[in-house]
Protein backbone atom coordinates (compact mmCIF):
# COMPACT_ATOMS: atom_id res chain seq x y z
CA MET A 1 -50.81 55.69 174.70
CA GLY A 2 -49.73 58.17 177.36
CA SER A 3 -47.95 55.44 179.33
CA ILE A 4 -46.08 54.26 176.22
CA VAL A 5 -44.87 57.79 175.49
CA LEU A 6 -43.84 58.25 179.12
CA VAL A 7 -41.87 55.01 179.15
CA ALA A 8 -40.19 55.87 175.84
CA ARG A 9 -39.17 59.33 177.06
CA LEU A 10 -37.80 58.00 180.35
CA VAL A 11 -35.85 55.27 178.56
CA LEU A 12 -34.37 57.67 176.00
CA ALA A 13 -33.39 60.11 178.71
CA ASP A 14 -31.65 57.37 180.69
CA VAL A 15 -29.80 56.11 177.60
CA ARG A 16 -28.53 59.63 176.90
CA ARG A 17 -27.25 59.92 180.46
CA HIS A 18 -25.46 56.56 180.28
CA ARG A 19 -24.15 56.35 176.73
CA ALA A 20 -21.08 54.30 177.63
CA GLN A 21 -23.12 51.65 179.43
CA ALA A 22 -25.59 51.51 176.54
CA VAL A 23 -22.78 50.97 174.04
CA MET A 24 -21.28 48.20 176.17
CA LEU A 25 -24.63 46.40 176.42
CA LEU A 26 -25.22 46.81 172.70
CA LEU A 27 -21.75 45.44 171.89
CA ALA A 28 -22.17 42.38 174.13
CA VAL A 29 -25.56 41.37 172.74
CA THR A 30 -24.57 42.06 169.12
CA VAL A 31 -21.49 39.86 169.34
CA ALA A 32 -23.32 36.99 171.02
CA THR A 33 -26.33 36.94 168.68
CA ALA A 34 -24.23 37.37 165.53
CA THR A 35 -22.03 34.40 166.45
CA LEU A 36 -25.01 32.20 167.30
CA ALA A 37 -26.86 33.14 164.08
CA LEU A 38 -23.76 32.37 162.01
CA GLY A 39 -23.36 28.96 163.60
CA LEU A 40 -27.00 28.02 163.06
CA SER A 41 -27.04 29.26 159.44
CA LEU A 42 -24.06 27.34 158.06
CA ARG A 43 -25.69 24.03 157.14
CA GLY A 44 -28.56 25.68 155.30
CA ALA A 45 -26.07 27.89 153.47
CA THR A 46 -24.00 24.99 152.08
CA ASP A 47 -27.17 23.19 150.98
CA ALA A 48 -28.36 26.34 149.20
CA LEU A 49 -25.05 26.82 147.39
CA TYR A 50 -25.03 23.22 146.18
CA ALA A 51 -28.65 23.44 145.01
CA GLN A 52 -27.97 26.64 143.03
CA THR A 53 -24.81 25.22 141.47
CA ARG A 54 -26.64 22.03 140.58
CA ALA A 55 -29.44 23.97 138.91
CA ALA A 56 -27.03 26.17 136.95
CA THR A 57 -24.93 23.26 135.70
CA ALA A 58 -27.66 20.66 135.08
CA GLY A 59 -26.11 18.52 137.76
CA PRO A 60 -26.80 14.79 137.61
CA ASP A 61 -28.99 13.03 140.15
CA VAL A 62 -26.56 10.10 140.37
CA VAL A 63 -22.94 9.71 139.25
CA ALA A 64 -21.88 6.11 138.61
CA LEU A 65 -18.13 5.56 138.93
CA SER A 66 -15.83 2.60 138.63
CA GLY A 67 -12.23 2.13 139.62
CA ASP A 68 -11.69 0.00 136.52
CA THR A 69 -12.13 0.09 132.75
CA GLY A 70 -12.97 -2.62 130.26
CA PRO A 71 -16.00 -4.33 128.73
CA ALA A 72 -17.49 -5.40 132.08
CA VAL A 73 -17.44 -1.85 133.42
CA THR A 74 -18.84 -0.40 130.20
CA SER A 75 -21.61 -2.98 130.21
CA ALA A 76 -22.47 -2.26 133.85
CA LEU A 77 -22.65 1.48 133.23
CA THR A 78 -24.72 1.02 130.07
CA SER A 79 -27.21 -1.17 131.91
CA LEU A 80 -27.72 1.60 134.45
CA ALA A 81 -28.70 3.97 131.64
CA GLU A 82 -31.36 1.48 130.54
CA ASP A 83 -33.06 1.37 133.97
CA PRO A 84 -36.73 2.50 133.80
CA GLU A 85 -36.10 5.14 136.47
CA VAL A 86 -33.39 6.81 134.35
CA VAL A 87 -34.67 9.45 131.92
CA GLY A 88 -31.32 10.79 130.73
CA HIS A 89 -27.60 10.08 130.92
CA HIS A 90 -24.19 11.46 129.99
CA GLY A 91 -21.25 9.18 129.24
CA PRO A 92 -19.54 6.89 129.93
CA TYR A 93 -16.65 9.34 129.97
CA ARG A 94 -12.99 8.92 130.77
CA ILE A 95 -11.36 10.06 134.04
CA VAL A 96 -7.55 10.27 133.94
CA TYR A 97 -5.49 10.46 137.16
CA ALA A 98 -2.37 12.60 136.90
CA ASN A 99 -0.26 15.28 138.57
CA LEU A 100 -0.55 18.99 137.79
CA THR A 101 2.14 21.62 138.26
CA ALA A 102 1.35 25.34 138.24
CA ARG A 103 3.61 28.37 138.44
CA GLY A 104 6.64 26.09 138.11
CA SER A 105 6.59 24.64 141.63
CA VAL A 106 3.05 24.10 142.95
CA THR A 107 2.13 20.44 142.41
CA SER A 108 -1.18 18.72 143.07
CA ALA A 109 -3.05 15.57 142.17
CA VAL A 110 -5.65 16.15 139.46
CA VAL A 111 -8.39 14.17 137.75
CA VAL A 112 -8.97 15.02 134.09
CA HIS A 113 -12.50 14.49 132.73
CA GLY A 114 -12.71 13.89 128.99
CA PHE A 115 -15.75 15.86 127.73
CA ALA A 116 -17.19 16.78 124.37
CA GLU A 117 -16.53 20.26 122.97
CA ARG A 118 -20.29 20.77 122.75
CA LEU A 119 -22.00 20.03 126.04
CA GLY A 120 -25.16 17.96 126.27
CA ALA A 121 -28.27 18.39 128.39
CA LEU A 122 -26.81 16.77 131.53
CA ASN A 123 -23.72 17.78 133.52
CA ARG A 124 -23.01 21.07 131.80
CA PRO A 125 -20.13 22.75 133.70
CA LEU A 126 -20.73 26.50 133.90
CA VAL A 127 -17.82 28.50 132.52
CA THR A 128 -17.26 31.49 134.82
CA SER A 129 -14.22 32.80 132.97
CA GLY A 130 -12.78 32.17 129.50
CA GLN A 131 -14.29 29.45 127.30
CA TRP A 132 -15.07 25.75 127.27
CA VAL A 133 -12.52 23.09 126.30
CA ARG A 134 -10.87 23.14 122.92
CA PRO A 135 -8.16 20.87 121.47
CA GLY A 136 -4.81 21.47 123.18
CA GLY A 137 -6.27 23.41 126.11
CA THR A 138 -7.69 22.65 129.55
CA VAL A 139 -10.40 24.09 131.78
CA LEU A 140 -9.85 24.12 135.55
CA GLU A 141 -12.50 23.82 138.24
CA ARG A 142 -12.84 27.21 139.94
CA GLY A 143 -12.05 26.10 143.49
CA PHE A 144 -8.93 24.30 142.24
CA ALA A 145 -7.84 27.26 140.12
CA THR A 146 -8.28 29.64 143.05
CA ALA A 147 -6.12 27.45 145.30
CA LEU A 148 -3.44 27.30 142.59
CA ASP A 149 -3.74 31.06 141.95
CA VAL A 150 -4.12 30.30 138.24
CA GLY A 151 -6.33 32.11 135.74
CA VAL A 152 -7.27 32.07 132.08
CA GLY A 153 -4.18 32.49 129.90
CA ASP A 154 -1.78 30.84 132.35
CA ARG A 155 -0.14 27.53 131.56
CA VAL A 156 -0.14 24.38 133.68
CA SER A 157 1.75 21.14 133.30
CA ILE A 158 -0.24 17.90 133.48
CA ALA A 159 1.86 14.72 133.59
CA GLY A 160 4.77 16.81 132.38
CA GLN A 161 2.95 18.20 129.34
CA SER A 162 2.16 21.91 129.15
CA TYR A 163 -1.41 23.11 128.50
CA PRO A 164 -2.90 26.61 128.36
CA VAL A 165 -5.78 27.29 130.74
CA VAL A 166 -8.59 28.32 128.40
CA GLY A 167 -11.37 28.55 130.97
CA ILE A 168 -12.51 28.32 134.59
CA ALA A 169 -15.75 26.45 135.39
CA VAL A 170 -17.88 25.05 138.20
CA THR A 171 -19.80 21.79 138.40
CA ALA A 172 -22.11 19.95 140.80
CA ALA A 173 -21.07 16.51 139.52
CA THR A 174 -18.15 16.33 141.98
CA SER A 175 -17.62 17.50 145.53
CA VAL A 176 -16.03 20.86 146.23
CA TYR A 177 -12.26 21.17 145.95
CA PRO A 178 -10.28 19.15 147.01
CA GLY A 179 -12.73 16.23 146.72
CA ALA A 180 -12.80 15.77 142.95
CA ALA A 181 -11.29 12.26 142.87
CA GLN A 182 -14.44 10.50 144.20
CA VAL A 183 -12.91 7.08 143.45
CA GLY A 184 -9.36 6.21 142.56
CA PRO A 185 -7.50 3.56 140.64
CA GLY A 186 -7.04 1.65 143.90
CA GLY A 187 -10.69 1.86 144.87
CA GLY A 188 -10.66 5.22 146.68
CA PRO A 189 -8.98 8.65 146.71
CA THR A 190 -5.51 8.64 148.23
CA ASP A 191 -4.74 12.33 147.79
CA TYR A 192 -6.59 15.60 147.87
CA THR A 193 -7.37 16.21 144.23
CA GLY A 194 -8.39 18.99 141.87
CA LEU A 195 -10.45 18.78 138.69
CA ALA A 196 -9.64 19.68 135.09
CA TRP A 197 -11.48 19.12 131.81
CA MET A 198 -10.07 18.31 128.38
CA THR A 199 -11.53 17.17 125.10
CA ARG A 200 -12.12 13.45 124.83
CA SER A 201 -9.28 13.02 122.36
CA ASP A 202 -6.83 15.01 124.49
CA ALA A 203 -7.75 13.02 127.63
CA ARG A 204 -7.28 9.76 125.71
CA ALA A 205 -3.93 10.92 124.33
CA LEU A 206 -2.77 12.11 127.78
CA ALA A 207 -3.54 8.74 129.36
CA GLY A 208 -2.00 6.74 126.50
CA SER A 209 1.23 8.69 126.15
CA HIS A 210 2.04 8.63 129.87
CA ASP A 211 0.45 5.30 130.82
CA LEU A 212 -1.75 6.98 133.43
CA PRO A 213 -4.51 5.30 135.46
CA VAL A 214 -7.94 5.64 133.87
CA THR A 215 -11.46 5.02 135.17
CA LEU A 216 -14.94 5.47 133.74
CA ALA A 217 -17.97 7.42 134.96
CA MET A 218 -21.54 8.07 133.85
CA ASP A 219 -24.02 10.77 134.89
CA LEU A 220 -27.67 9.81 135.35
CA LYS A 221 -30.88 11.82 135.49
CA LEU A 222 -33.75 10.12 137.33
CA ARG A 223 -37.49 10.36 136.91
CA ASP A 224 -37.72 11.37 140.59
CA PRO A 225 -34.53 13.07 141.88
CA ALA A 226 -35.67 12.58 145.48
CA THR A 227 -35.12 8.82 145.08
CA ALA A 228 -31.44 9.20 144.17
CA ASP A 229 -30.20 7.75 147.48
CA ALA A 230 -32.44 4.71 147.16
CA PHE A 231 -31.46 4.23 143.49
CA ALA A 232 -27.75 4.37 144.33
CA GLU A 233 -28.14 1.86 147.16
CA ALA A 234 -30.17 -0.55 145.01
CA HIS A 235 -27.72 -0.57 142.09
CA ARG A 236 -24.37 -0.94 143.80
CA SER A 237 -22.35 -3.51 141.85
CA THR A 238 -19.55 -5.52 143.43
CA GLU A 239 -18.69 -7.46 140.28
CA ALA A 240 -17.74 -4.46 138.14
CA ARG A 241 -16.80 -2.30 141.15
CA VAL A 242 -19.31 0.39 140.23
CA ASN A 243 -20.24 2.94 142.90
CA GLU A 244 -23.15 5.32 142.69
CA HIS A 245 -23.00 8.75 144.35
CA SER A 246 -26.30 10.56 144.72
CA TRP A 247 -26.70 14.32 144.67
CA GLN A 248 -27.69 14.14 148.35
CA PHE A 249 -24.38 12.44 149.08
CA LYS A 250 -22.47 15.22 147.34
CA ALA A 251 -24.36 17.87 149.28
CA GLU A 252 -23.35 16.10 152.49
CA GLN A 253 -19.75 16.00 151.32
CA ASP A 254 -19.86 19.74 150.71
CA ALA A 255 -20.92 20.29 154.31
CA ARG A 256 -17.93 18.31 155.60
CA ILE A 257 -15.62 21.22 154.87
CA LEU A 258 -17.59 23.10 157.54
CA LYS A 259 -17.78 20.12 159.91
CA ASP A 260 -15.96 21.94 162.72
CA SER A 261 -17.10 25.46 161.87
CA GLN A 262 -20.61 25.13 163.29
CA PRO A 263 -19.45 23.78 166.69
CA ILE A 264 -16.86 26.56 166.92
CA LEU A 265 -19.49 29.22 166.33
CA VAL A 266 -22.28 27.67 168.43
CA VAL A 267 -20.06 26.89 171.43
CA GLY A 268 -18.41 30.28 170.98
CA SER A 269 -21.82 31.94 171.08
CA TRP A 270 -22.56 30.19 174.40
CA LEU A 271 -19.31 31.52 175.87
CA LEU A 272 -19.94 34.99 174.47
CA SER A 273 -23.49 34.96 175.83
CA PHE A 274 -22.17 34.01 179.25
CA LEU A 275 -19.70 36.90 179.14
CA ALA A 276 -22.50 39.20 177.97
CA VAL A 277 -24.66 38.21 180.96
CA ILE A 278 -21.72 38.84 183.30
CA GLY A 279 -20.98 42.23 181.76
CA VAL A 280 -24.57 43.42 181.74
CA ALA A 281 -25.04 42.15 185.31
CA ALA A 282 -22.04 44.24 186.35
CA LEU A 283 -23.54 47.29 184.66
CA ALA A 284 -26.87 46.71 186.36
CA ALA A 285 -25.21 46.22 189.75
CA GLY A 286 -23.26 49.44 189.33
CA ARG A 287 -26.51 51.31 188.73
CA ALA A 288 -28.55 49.50 191.40
CA ILE A 289 -28.62 52.47 193.80
CA GLU A 290 -29.57 54.86 191.00
CA GLN A 291 -32.32 52.52 189.81
CA THR A 292 -33.66 52.19 193.36
CA ARG A 293 -33.85 55.96 193.70
CA ARG A 294 -35.51 56.16 190.33
CA ALA A 295 -38.11 53.60 191.39
CA GLY A 296 -38.71 55.66 194.53
CA LEU A 297 -39.33 58.80 192.50
CA LEU A 298 -41.79 56.93 190.26
CA LYS A 299 -43.59 55.56 193.31
CA ALA A 300 -43.74 59.05 194.83
CA VAL A 301 -45.56 60.44 191.79
CA GLY A 302 -48.06 57.55 191.78
CA ALA A 303 -46.56 54.95 189.44
CA GLY A 304 -47.63 51.36 190.01
CA PRO A 305 -45.36 48.28 190.12
CA GLY A 306 -46.14 47.38 186.52
CA LEU A 307 -45.08 50.78 185.18
CA ILE A 308 -41.94 50.80 187.34
CA ALA A 309 -40.91 47.35 186.12
CA THR A 310 -41.60 48.37 182.53
CA VAL A 311 -39.48 51.52 182.80
CA LEU A 312 -36.56 49.75 184.47
CA LEU A 313 -36.54 46.73 182.12
CA THR A 314 -37.44 48.43 178.84
CA GLU A 315 -34.09 50.17 178.52
CA TYR A 316 -32.16 46.91 178.68
CA LEU A 317 -34.68 45.03 176.55
CA ALA A 318 -34.70 47.76 173.89
CA LEU A 319 -30.91 47.81 173.71
CA ALA A 320 -30.81 44.00 173.66
CA LEU A 321 -33.29 43.83 170.78
CA LEU A 322 -31.32 46.50 168.89
CA GLY A 323 -28.18 44.43 169.45
CA ASP A 324 -30.08 41.36 168.24
CA ALA A 325 -31.05 43.16 165.02
CA LEU A 326 -27.45 44.27 164.47
CA GLY A 327 -26.19 40.76 165.18
CA LEU A 328 -28.59 39.23 162.66
CA LEU A 329 -27.55 41.82 160.07
CA ILE A 330 -23.89 41.01 160.65
CA ALA A 331 -24.67 37.30 160.34
CA ARG A 332 -26.52 37.90 157.07
CA LEU A 333 -23.51 39.73 155.64
CA ALA A 334 -20.94 37.27 156.95
CA VAL A 335 -22.63 33.96 156.08
CA PRO A 336 -21.62 34.02 152.36
CA VAL A 337 -17.94 34.36 153.30
CA ILE A 338 -17.95 31.80 156.10
CA ALA A 339 -20.17 29.25 154.36
CA SER A 340 -18.05 29.09 151.21
CA PRO A 341 -14.32 28.80 151.98
CA THR A 342 -13.85 27.29 148.53
CA ALA A 343 -14.79 28.88 145.21
CA SER A 344 -16.28 25.62 143.90
CA ARG A 345 -19.89 26.75 144.33
CA ILE A 346 -21.93 29.66 143.01
CA GLY A 347 -25.14 31.37 144.06
CA ASP A 348 -26.56 33.54 146.80
CA VAL A 349 -26.52 32.42 150.40
CA PRO A 350 -29.80 32.95 152.25
CA GLY A 351 -29.74 34.83 155.51
CA PRO A 352 -30.70 33.37 158.89
CA ASP A 353 -34.03 31.54 158.69
CA ALA A 354 -37.02 32.12 160.95
CA ALA A 355 -35.90 29.55 163.53
CA THR A 356 -32.47 31.17 163.74
CA VAL A 357 -33.98 34.65 164.11
CA ILE A 358 -36.25 33.43 166.91
CA THR A 359 -33.37 31.65 168.69
CA ALA A 360 -31.11 34.70 168.50
CA THR A 361 -33.90 36.99 169.71
CA VAL A 362 -34.64 34.71 172.65
CA LEU A 363 -30.94 34.77 173.50
CA ALA A 364 -30.88 38.58 173.48
CA VAL A 365 -33.96 38.80 175.70
CA VAL A 366 -32.56 36.19 178.12
CA VAL A 367 -29.27 38.12 178.39
CA ALA A 368 -31.15 41.33 179.23
CA VAL A 369 -33.62 39.75 181.66
CA LEU A 370 -31.13 37.55 183.53
CA SER A 371 -28.77 40.48 183.96
CA THR A 372 -31.29 43.04 185.22
CA LEU A 373 -34.14 41.12 186.84
CA ARG A 374 -32.66 41.02 190.34
CA PRO A 375 -31.83 44.76 190.57
CA THR A 376 -35.27 45.58 189.14
CA LEU A 377 -37.12 43.41 191.67
CA ARG A 378 -35.06 44.86 194.50
CA ALA A 379 -35.87 48.41 193.40
CA MET A 380 -39.59 47.59 193.15
CA ARG A 381 -39.69 46.01 196.61
CA THR A 382 -37.91 48.87 198.34
CA ALA A 383 -40.19 51.24 200.24
CA THR A 384 -40.59 54.73 198.76
CA VAL A 385 -38.85 56.60 201.58
CA THR A 386 -36.03 54.07 201.72
CA ALA A 387 -35.60 54.18 197.97
CA LEU A 388 -35.40 57.98 197.88
CA SER A 389 -32.64 57.96 200.47
CA ALA A 390 -30.87 54.89 199.13
CA THR A 391 -27.11 54.83 199.49
CA VAL A 392 -24.44 52.28 198.79
CA ARG A 393 -25.12 49.17 200.86
CA GLN A 394 -22.71 48.99 203.75
CA PRO A 395 -20.93 45.67 204.03
CA ARG A 396 -21.27 43.51 207.10
CA HIS A 397 -18.46 43.65 209.64
CA ARG A 398 -16.38 40.49 209.68
CA PRO A 399 -13.87 40.35 212.57
CA TRP A 400 -11.88 37.53 210.98
CA LEU A 401 -11.39 39.56 207.83
CA THR A 402 -10.27 42.57 209.81
CA ALA A 403 -7.75 40.48 211.77
CA LEU A 404 -6.40 38.82 208.63
CA SER A 405 -6.14 41.97 206.52
CA ALA A 406 -4.37 43.87 209.31
CA LEU A 407 -1.28 41.75 208.71
CA LEU A 408 -1.10 42.55 204.98
CA PRO A 409 0.46 45.45 203.05
CA THR A 410 -1.95 48.34 202.48
CA PRO A 411 -2.72 47.67 198.74
CA LEU A 412 -3.35 43.96 199.38
CA LEU A 413 -5.36 44.81 202.51
CA LEU A 414 -7.64 47.14 200.56
CA GLY A 415 -7.97 44.73 197.65
CA LEU A 416 -8.78 41.75 199.85
CA ARG A 417 -11.42 43.67 201.80
CA LEU A 418 -13.07 44.97 198.61
CA THR A 419 -13.14 41.44 197.17
CA ALA A 420 -14.49 39.84 200.34
CA ARG A 421 -17.22 42.46 200.74
CA ARG A 422 -18.61 41.68 197.28
CA PRO A 423 -18.20 37.91 196.82
CA GLY A 424 -20.87 37.72 194.13
CA ARG A 425 -19.03 40.19 191.94
CA ALA A 426 -15.76 38.37 192.56
CA VAL A 427 -17.38 35.13 191.36
CA LEU A 428 -18.59 36.85 188.18
CA GLN A 429 -15.10 38.24 187.52
CA ALA A 430 -13.57 34.79 188.05
CA CYS A 431 -16.11 33.23 185.66
CA SER A 432 -15.34 35.90 183.06
CA THR A 433 -11.62 35.10 183.26
CA ALA A 434 -12.20 31.33 183.14
CA THR A 435 -14.44 31.66 180.08
CA THR A 436 -11.89 33.76 178.24
CA LEU A 437 -9.09 31.36 179.11
CA VAL A 438 -11.12 28.47 177.66
CA GLY A 439 -11.31 30.24 174.30
CA LEU A 440 -7.66 31.28 174.39
CA ILE A 441 -6.35 27.80 175.17
CA ALA A 442 -8.66 26.27 172.56
CA LEU A 443 -7.06 28.61 170.00
CA LEU A 444 -3.57 27.59 171.16
CA ALA A 445 -4.55 23.91 170.92
CA GLN A 446 -5.77 24.45 167.35
CA HIS A 447 -2.51 26.14 166.37
CA ALA A 448 -0.49 23.35 167.97
CA GLN A 449 -1.85 20.79 165.51
CA PRO A 450 0.51 19.96 162.62
CA GLU A 451 -0.30 21.48 159.26
CA ARG A 452 -1.85 18.97 156.89
CA GLY A 453 -1.99 20.74 153.59
CA TYR A 454 -2.72 19.38 150.12
CA GLY A 455 0.10 17.99 148.04
CA LEU A 456 1.95 14.92 146.81
CA ASN A 457 4.53 12.57 148.29
CA GLY A 458 4.44 14.26 151.69
CA SER A 459 5.05 17.72 150.21
CA PHE A 460 2.07 19.83 151.29
CA VAL A 461 2.36 22.95 149.19
CA LEU A 462 -1.31 23.98 149.04
CA PRO A 463 -3.06 25.16 152.21
CA ASN A 464 -5.69 23.00 153.86
CA LEU A 465 -8.89 24.96 153.27
CA ARG A 466 -10.81 23.34 156.09
CA GLY A 467 -8.00 23.76 158.61
CA GLU A 468 -7.33 27.37 157.69
CA HIS A 469 -11.04 28.19 157.76
CA ASP A 470 -11.45 26.69 161.23
CA ARG A 471 -8.39 28.53 162.51
CA ARG A 472 -9.72 31.86 161.28
CA LEU A 473 -13.13 31.25 162.86
CA LEU A 474 -11.64 30.18 166.18
CA LEU A 475 -9.35 33.21 166.12
CA ALA A 476 -12.31 35.51 165.50
CA VAL A 477 -14.34 33.95 168.34
CA THR A 478 -11.37 34.15 170.70
CA VAL A 479 -10.78 37.80 169.85
CA LEU A 480 -14.43 38.55 170.56
CA LEU A 481 -14.18 36.69 173.89
CA ILE A 482 -11.12 38.73 174.81
CA VAL A 483 -12.81 42.00 173.83
CA LEU A 484 -15.87 41.25 175.98
CA ALA A 485 -13.65 40.11 178.85
CA LEU A 486 -11.69 43.37 178.65
CA VAL A 487 -14.91 45.38 178.65
CA ASN A 488 -16.11 43.37 181.66
CA THR A 489 -12.85 43.98 183.51
CA VAL A 490 -13.09 47.74 183.03
CA THR A 491 -16.76 47.61 184.10
CA PHE A 492 -15.97 45.66 187.27
CA THR A 493 -13.13 48.01 188.18
CA TRP A 494 -15.13 51.17 187.65
CA THR A 495 -18.20 49.81 189.44
CA THR A 496 -16.09 48.73 192.41
CA ALA A 497 -14.36 52.11 192.49
CA VAL A 498 -17.68 53.98 192.45
CA GLU A 499 -19.20 51.86 195.22
CA ALA A 500 -16.03 52.02 197.34
CA ARG A 501 -15.51 55.77 197.07
CA ALA A 502 -16.41 56.41 200.71
CA ASN A 503 -14.28 53.55 202.02
CA MET A 504 -11.32 54.57 199.87
CA ALA A 505 -11.70 58.20 200.99
CA ILE A 506 -11.64 57.08 204.59
CA ALA A 507 -8.55 54.98 203.88
CA ARG A 508 -6.83 58.02 202.40
CA ALA A 509 -7.90 60.14 205.36
CA LEU A 510 -6.22 57.56 207.60
CA GLY A 511 -2.96 57.82 205.66
CA ALA A 512 -3.24 55.68 202.53
CA THR A 513 -1.69 57.28 199.46
CA PRO A 514 -3.47 57.57 196.07
CA GLY A 515 -1.03 54.97 194.74
CA GLN A 516 -1.93 52.51 197.48
CA VAL A 517 -5.64 53.07 196.89
CA SER A 518 -5.16 52.60 193.15
CA ALA A 519 -3.15 49.42 193.74
CA GLY A 520 -5.86 48.18 196.12
CA LEU A 521 -8.57 48.63 193.47
CA SER A 522 -6.45 46.79 190.93
CA THR A 523 -5.78 44.01 193.43
CA ALA A 524 -9.52 43.65 193.97
CA GLN A 525 -9.74 42.61 190.29
CA LEU A 526 -6.56 40.55 190.17
CA LEU A 527 -7.61 38.25 193.01
CA PRO A 528 -10.77 37.02 191.18
CA THR A 529 -8.76 36.89 187.96
CA LEU A 530 -6.25 34.57 189.61
CA ALA A 531 -9.11 32.39 190.85
CA GLY A 532 -10.57 32.38 187.33
CA VAL A 533 -7.23 31.20 185.95
CA LEU A 534 -7.15 28.32 188.44
CA ILE A 535 -10.69 27.37 187.40
CA GLY A 536 -10.13 27.94 183.69
CA LEU A 537 -7.06 25.72 183.31
CA PRO A 538 -8.75 22.36 184.09
CA LEU A 539 -11.95 23.53 182.39
CA SER A 540 -9.97 24.36 179.23
CA ALA A 541 -8.31 20.94 179.28
CA GLY A 542 -11.74 19.29 179.44
CA VAL A 543 -13.22 21.38 176.62
CA VAL A 544 -10.20 20.79 174.37
CA ALA A 545 -10.31 17.05 175.07
CA ILE A 546 -14.01 16.87 174.12
CA PHE A 547 -13.63 18.62 170.76
CA SER A 548 -10.16 17.39 169.75
CA ALA A 549 -9.33 14.38 167.61
CA PRO A 550 -7.96 11.28 169.39
CA ASN A 551 -4.47 11.92 167.97
CA ALA A 552 -4.46 15.65 168.68
CA VAL A 553 -1.23 17.27 169.85
CA ASP A 554 -1.31 19.12 173.19
CA PRO A 555 -0.18 22.76 173.09
CA PRO A 556 3.28 23.36 174.63
CA THR A 557 3.27 24.18 178.33
CA SER A 558 5.16 27.40 177.59
CA TRP A 559 2.22 28.62 175.47
CA ILE A 560 -0.24 28.01 178.28
CA VAL A 561 2.01 29.71 180.85
CA THR A 562 2.35 32.69 178.51
CA ALA A 563 -1.42 32.87 178.09
CA VAL A 564 -1.93 32.83 181.88
CA LEU A 565 0.70 35.51 182.49
CA ALA A 566 -0.72 37.64 179.67
CA THR A 567 -4.20 37.37 181.22
CA LEU A 568 -2.93 38.60 184.59
CA LEU A 569 -0.81 41.38 183.08
CA VAL A 570 -3.59 42.65 180.82
CA THR A 571 -6.02 42.66 183.76
CA ALA A 572 -3.55 44.67 185.84
CA ALA A 573 -3.01 47.14 183.00
CA LEU A 574 -6.72 47.57 182.31
CA THR A 575 -7.58 48.16 185.95
CA ALA A 576 -4.80 50.69 186.46
CA LEU A 577 -6.43 53.62 184.61
CA PRO A 578 -9.95 53.55 186.13
CA ALA A 579 -8.45 52.77 189.54
CA ARG A 580 -6.06 55.70 189.23
CA LEU A 581 -8.84 58.06 188.19
CA ALA A 582 -10.99 56.97 191.11
CA ALA A 583 -8.12 57.26 193.59
CA ARG A 584 -7.32 60.85 192.58
CA ARG A 585 -10.72 62.23 193.55
CA PRO A 586 -10.38 64.68 196.49
CA VAL A 587 -11.14 63.11 199.87
CA ALA A 588 -13.20 66.04 201.16
CA GLN A 589 -15.37 66.12 198.06
CA THR A 590 -16.05 62.38 198.29
CA LEU A 591 -16.93 62.42 201.98
CA SER A 592 -19.15 65.48 201.67
CA ALA A 593 -20.99 63.92 198.73
CA GLU A 594 -21.62 60.75 200.71
CA ALA A 595 -22.79 62.75 203.72
CA THR A 596 -25.43 64.58 201.70
């Protein structure tokens, strides 16, 4: 118990002394775990929403639809209701294909279901606002109404005839908006379509007065709902063109609206985790000398290797686990918004499941361990006397570097020497830039794709829910990548400035001005950034090619050039302040501190 208290007190004391570093580590792990947990939770969330909507609306196990009408279709549908596996049915009911206009100018395809004014036991749409259908009025599906920005009391025009909206409802008998058509008069949906309900007589009158296409459908309840897929496959009819859609099929269709969301979040979490490892590794490297001295003090008072390793690693592990908890909390709060871009479903979205929690926690621990294991092992292996007198490691003398840098201007000379003396850190900085550029160019590629909204006759007046949702997610992931990259850049600059204080003081003593020293520190970050850009451009092209559709449009070259220039300019601006602060420290104070 005494050892646990000692470790806890040492860790808390160290966190208080390094609040900024603790916040940076916490931010990196939180962002990475939250993104990963969101990506892994999406499929389960859509399944849960469909299941809750199906339970609340007495959703059918199978919906039988035909692109035709007539005695043959009616007979085929009726025979399905007589199957021994069917224990209940609703219909046949009429589906009318028409156009709907709202707010005077917004036009969309719509299917009108003719229902009874008193609902039966199967397929009972749940009215979320207003009331159920009455003669002369219509009820709109909630996802469709939300896209139209229409509510109860508004009027819509269907096939040129005005109807008041008397209610808003949800159903599990069709896919989420805009997939209400299911089948069309030509054998399949040709337009993105919304759903409306009318009374049977109004639907019949609408179709007759405007000569609109009409099909028939029937809802079936099975003895064993789990066999819905097998039932649908066994009863497909080619003669009467009857198709059966199981509830499992509709749940899969719901998930299609998030088809690209999960890859965006999962791949984004990999990139964010990589940036987190880079950032935490930079923090650990900047504190390597301090940690070595700390290990020496613990050895001097009798601490063993196990206790030293525990003290040095516990701080990072504790912060990583706290970041993991925050990331999972953020994912729990954000899943309902991300998993339901349409208002067609109701219910509560469950949080990350046990597998997701374990995966995110493992990620947090891996980030902490990979970033700090090397400095910890080095501190443990250092002899006590050496550790107590540890100073910044002096770089090896390289004559070729001296000869080359002597020909360069002073800022470039200093920057090149700082970069060459710490090649590992330069590689990390280049990887950070390349990773960020991948996300940025992926976002530009997404925005370069033509808008394919929902509408009629080539007029896309309603936004594409799936496209807009994916754009927002990719934008959020890219912003997070940029934020972590900016934090990493500041960390690299400050760490380099701290470790190079003696060398920069000597340079100033030999005549370098504070401005030249500051420019040299900034150059030490710009050189790896430039290398990262050269690596990131072909890497970005490969990533975009893998995840893009075959007919995808490439982003304009001017966009990519702007992104590259912005990356270099932002890096220069971010490095200027810490470099300037480090360069203004008095030379005598720096040299005397290093001497002691």
